[in-house]
Amino acid sequence: MAEEGQVIGVHTVEEWTQHLEKGKESKKLVVVDFTASWCGPCRIMAPIFAELAKKMTEVIFLKVDVDELRTVSEDMGIEAMPTFLFLKDGKEVDKIVGARKDDLQLKIEKHAPATASASA
C-alpha cells in the first residue's frame, strides 16, 4: 500500500476494487484521475494532482491509465481525459472533465471532511 500523501497508481481491476473498498471502510473521499500517457492536459495536471495529495493526506488519490484499465474506465463512463471522479462510499459524488486545476482543489475541499482544508 502507498503512503499517505501520495498518488496511488492503479494497474489492475483487483487493485481498483481494493482501493474503493479501503475508501468505503475508512469513510475517506477517493479522488480518481483518469489519464492517458498520450494526453497533454493530463501531463499538465499530474504534478498539481500530486501536490494536492501531499497537502490533503485524509483523501485517497488514485491514478488510472484509461488504456491500461479500459474496463474500469468504461464502467465509470469516462469519455475524455483528464477526468477526475470524486467517490464517497463507492458512489460518484462529483466529476470534473478537463484540466481545471482550480476546480479540482475546490471540489476536493467541498467533499472531503472539514479537516481537509490545507492547514497553513
C-alpha atoms as a PDB file:
ATOM      1  CA  MET A   1       0.000   0.000   0.000  1.00  0.00           C
ATOM      2  CA  ALA A   2       1.166   3.515  -0.715  1.00  0.00           C
ATOM      3  CA  GLU A   3       1.929   6.036   1.969  1.00  0.00           C
ATOM      4  CA  GLU A   4      -0.413   8.899   2.782  1.00  0.00           C
ATOM      5  CA  GLY A   5       0.267  11.959   0.704  1.00  0.00           C
ATOM      6  CA  GLN A   6       0.940  10.045  -2.489  1.00  0.00           C
ATOM      7  CA  VAL A   7      -0.947   9.428  -5.697  1.00  0.00           C
ATOM      8  CA  ILE A   8      -1.533   5.692  -5.974  1.00  0.00           C
ATOM      9  CA  GLY A   9      -1.223   4.231  -9.459  1.00  0.00           C
ATOM     10  CA  VAL A  10      -3.888   1.587 -10.068  1.00  0.00           C
ATOM     11  CA  HIS A  11      -2.808  -1.051 -12.584  1.00  0.00           C
ATOM     12  CA  THR A  12      -5.279  -3.931 -12.149  1.00  0.00           C
ATOM     13  CA  VAL A  13      -9.021  -4.314 -11.626  1.00  0.00           C
ATOM     14  CA  GLU A  14      -8.204  -6.056  -8.320  1.00  0.00           C
ATOM     15  CA  GLU A  15      -6.249  -3.006  -7.108  1.00  0.00           C
ATOM     16  CA  TRP A  16      -9.113  -0.739  -8.191  1.00  0.00           C
ATOM     17  CA  THR A  17     -11.597  -2.805  -6.155  1.00  0.00           C
ATOM     18  CA  GLN A  18      -9.268  -2.877  -3.122  1.00  0.00           C
ATOM     19  CA  HIS A  19      -8.827   0.903  -3.108  1.00  0.00           C
ATOM     20  CA  LEU A  20     -12.559   1.532  -3.449  1.00  0.00           C
ATOM     21  CA  GLU A  21     -13.195  -0.839  -0.522  1.00  0.00           C
ATOM     22  CA  LYS A  22     -10.494   0.918   1.514  1.00  0.00           C
ATOM     23  CA  GLY A  23     -12.179   4.252   0.787  1.00  0.00           C
ATOM     24  CA  LYS A  24     -15.549   2.889   1.954  1.00  0.00           C
ATOM     25  CA  GLU A  25     -14.125   1.352   5.124  1.00  0.00           C
ATOM     26  CA  SER A  26     -12.163   4.457   6.085  1.00  0.00           C
ATOM     27  CA  LYS A  27     -15.024   6.804   5.063  1.00  0.00           C
ATOM     28  CA  LYS A  28     -12.464   8.798   3.067  1.00  0.00           C
ATOM     29  CA  LEU A  29     -13.058  10.736  -0.100  1.00  0.00           C
ATOM     30  CA  VAL A  30     -11.472   8.977  -3.091  1.00  0.00           C
ATOM     31  CA  VAL A  31     -10.378  11.210  -5.988  1.00  0.00           C
ATOM     32  CA  VAL A  32      -9.505   9.372  -9.195  1.00  0.00           C
ATOM     33  CA  ASP A  33      -7.510  10.889 -12.044  1.00  0.00           C
ATOM     34  CA  PHE A  34      -8.416   9.066 -15.263  1.00  0.00           C
ATOM     35  CA  THR A  35      -5.462   9.815 -17.521  1.00  0.00           C
ATOM     36  CA  ALA A  36      -3.549   8.631 -20.586  1.00  0.00           C
ATOM     37  CA  SER A  37       0.146   8.743 -21.448  1.00  0.00           C
ATOM     38  CA  TRP A  38      -0.590  10.490 -24.763  1.00  0.00           C
ATOM     39  CA  CYS A  39      -2.794  13.199 -23.195  1.00  0.00           C
ATOM     40  CA  GLY A  40      -1.118  16.637 -22.970  1.00  0.00           C
ATOM     41  CA  PRO A  41      -3.536  18.209 -20.448  1.00  0.00           C
ATOM     42  CA  CYS A  42      -3.112  15.067 -18.285  1.00  0.00           C
ATOM     43  CA  ARG A  43       0.625  15.711 -18.082  1.00  0.00           C
ATOM     44  CA  ILE A  44      -0.070  19.300 -17.022  1.00  0.00           C
ATOM     45  CA  MET A  45      -2.432  18.122 -14.254  1.00  0.00           C
ATOM     46  CA  ALA A  46      -0.211  15.305 -12.896  1.00  0.00           C
ATOM     47  CA  PRO A  47       2.095  17.483 -10.730  1.00  0.00           C
ATOM     48  CA  ILE A  48      -0.897  19.518  -9.484  1.00  0.00           C
ATOM     49  CA  PHE A  49      -2.700  16.305  -8.506  1.00  0.00           C
ATOM     50  CA  ALA A  50       0.459  15.058  -6.741  1.00  0.00           C
ATOM     51  CA  GLU A  51       0.788  18.352  -4.852  1.00  0.00           C
ATOM     52  CA  LEU A  52      -2.826  18.117  -3.636  1.00  0.00           C
ATOM     53  CA  ALA A  53      -2.169  14.538  -2.494  1.00  0.00           C
ATOM     54  CA  LYS A  54       0.759  15.774  -0.374  1.00  0.00           C
ATOM     55  CA  LYS A  55      -1.358  18.502   1.235  1.00  0.00           C
ATOM     56  CA  MET A  56      -4.577  16.541   1.762  1.00  0.00           C
ATOM     57  CA  THR A  57      -3.487  13.302   3.380  1.00  0.00           C
ATOM     58  CA  GLU A  58      -7.007  12.405   4.542  1.00  0.00           C
ATOM     59  CA  VAL A  59      -8.105  11.973   0.915  1.00  0.00           C
ATOM     60  CA  ILE A  60      -7.223   8.917  -1.198  1.00  0.00           C
ATOM     61  CA  PHE A  61      -5.761   9.951  -4.575  1.00  0.00           C
ATOM     62  CA  LEU A  62      -5.778   7.335  -7.337  1.00  0.00           C
ATOM     63  CA  LYS A  63      -4.500   7.475 -10.911  1.00  0.00           C
ATOM     64  CA  VAL A  64      -5.911   5.201 -13.608  1.00  0.00           C
ATOM     65  CA  ASP A  65      -4.487   4.986 -17.139  1.00  0.00           C
ATOM     66  CA  VAL A  66      -7.538   4.571 -19.385  1.00  0.00           C
ATOM     67  CA  ASP A  67      -5.608   2.483 -21.908  1.00  0.00           C
ATOM     68  CA  GLU A  68      -4.273   0.163 -19.224  1.00  0.00           C
ATOM     69  CA  LEU A  69      -7.575  -0.269 -17.349  1.00  0.00           C
ATOM     70  CA  ARG A  70     -10.080   0.100 -20.147  1.00  0.00           C
ATOM     71  CA  THR A  71     -12.773  -1.939 -18.348  1.00  0.00           C
ATOM     72  CA  VAL A  72     -12.665   0.310 -15.263  1.00  0.00           C
ATOM     73  CA  SER A  73     -12.735   3.437 -17.438  1.00  0.00           C
ATOM     74  CA  GLU A  74     -15.729   2.128 -19.380  1.00  0.00           C
ATOM     75  CA  ASP A  75     -17.524   1.040 -16.200  1.00  0.00           C
ATOM     76  CA  MET A  76     -17.078   4.547 -14.773  1.00  0.00           C
ATOM     77  CA  GLY A  77     -18.276   6.202 -18.004  1.00  0.00           C
ATOM     78  CA  ILE A  78     -15.015   8.001 -18.798  1.00  0.00           C
ATOM     79  CA  GLU A  79     -15.124   9.644 -22.226  1.00  0.00           C
ATOM     80  CA  ALA A  80     -12.411  12.342 -22.089  1.00  0.00           C
ATOM     81  CA  MET A  81      -9.078  12.865 -20.374  1.00  0.00           C
ATOM     82  CA  PRO A  82      -8.328  14.012 -17.867  1.00  0.00           C
ATOM     83  CA  THR A  83     -11.466  13.170 -15.921  1.00  0.00           C
ATOM     84  CA  PHE A  84     -11.449  13.424 -12.140  1.00  0.00           C
ATOM     85  CA  LEU A  85     -14.054  11.399 -10.282  1.00  0.00           C
ATOM     86  CA  PHE A  86     -14.947  12.041  -6.654  1.00  0.00           C
ATOM     87  CA  LEU A  87     -16.188   8.949  -4.851  1.00  0.00           C
ATOM     88  CA  LYS A  88     -17.683   8.571  -1.378  1.00  0.00           C
ATOM     89  CA  ASP A  89     -18.824   5.176  -0.093  1.00  0.00           C
ATOM     90  CA  GLY A  90     -18.048   3.822  -3.562  1.00  0.00           C
ATOM     91  CA  LYS A  91     -20.507   6.191  -5.246  1.00  0.00           C
ATOM     92  CA  GLU A  92     -19.725   9.084  -7.560  1.00  0.00           C
ATOM     93  CA  VAL A  93     -20.483  12.401  -5.847  1.00  0.00           C
ATOM     94  CA  ASP A  94     -18.831  14.727  -8.362  1.00  0.00           C
ATOM     95  CA  LYS A  95     -16.827  14.861 -11.574  1.00  0.00           C
ATOM     96  CA  ILE A  96     -14.525  17.239 -13.446  1.00  0.00           C
ATOM     97  CA  VAL A  97     -13.742  16.777 -17.125  1.00  0.00           C
ATOM     98  CA  GLY A  98     -10.687  18.633 -18.374  1.00  0.00           C
ATOM     99  CA  ALA A  99      -7.588  20.267 -16.909  1.00  0.00           C
ATOM    100  CA  ARG A 100      -9.345  22.582 -14.438  1.00  0.00           C
ATOM    101  CA  LYS A 101      -6.870  22.817 -11.557  1.00  0.00           C
ATOM    102  CA  ASP A 102      -8.758  25.448  -9.527  1.00  0.00           C
ATOM    103  CA  ASP A 103     -11.979  23.439  -9.686  1.00  0.00           C
ATOM    104  CA  LEU A 104     -10.078  20.331  -8.621  1.00  0.00           C
ATOM    105  CA  GLN A 105      -8.941  21.777  -5.293  1.00  0.00           C
ATOM    106  CA  LEU A 106     -12.323  23.416  -4.621  1.00  0.00           C
ATOM    107  CA  LYS A 107     -14.234  20.182  -5.203  1.00  0.00           C
ATOM    108  CA  ILE A 108     -11.850  18.188  -3.007  1.00  0.00           C
ATOM    109  CA  GLU A 109     -12.353  20.731  -0.226  1.00  0.00           C
ATOM    110  CA  LYS A 110     -16.116  20.616  -0.782  1.00  0.00           C
ATOM    111  CA  HIS A 111     -16.383  16.827  -0.487  1.00  0.00           C
ATOM    112  CA  ALA A 112     -13.617  15.997   1.984  1.00  0.00           C
ATOM    113  CA  PRO A 113     -14.184  16.385   5.730  1.00  0.00           C
ATOM    114  CA  ALA A 114     -13.749  19.857   7.204  1.00  0.00           C
ATOM    115  CA  THR A 115     -10.232  18.899   8.309  1.00  0.00           C
ATOM    116  CA  ALA A 116      -9.275  18.549   4.649  1.00  0.00           C
ATOM    117  CA  SER A 117      -8.618  22.210   4.034  1.00  0.00           C
ATOM    118  CA  ALA A 118      -4.864  22.620   3.919  1.00  0.00           C
ATOM    119  CA  SER A 119      -3.742  23.964   7.263  1.00  0.00           C
ATOM    120  CA  ALA A 120      -1.317  26.866   6.966  1.00  0.00           C
END
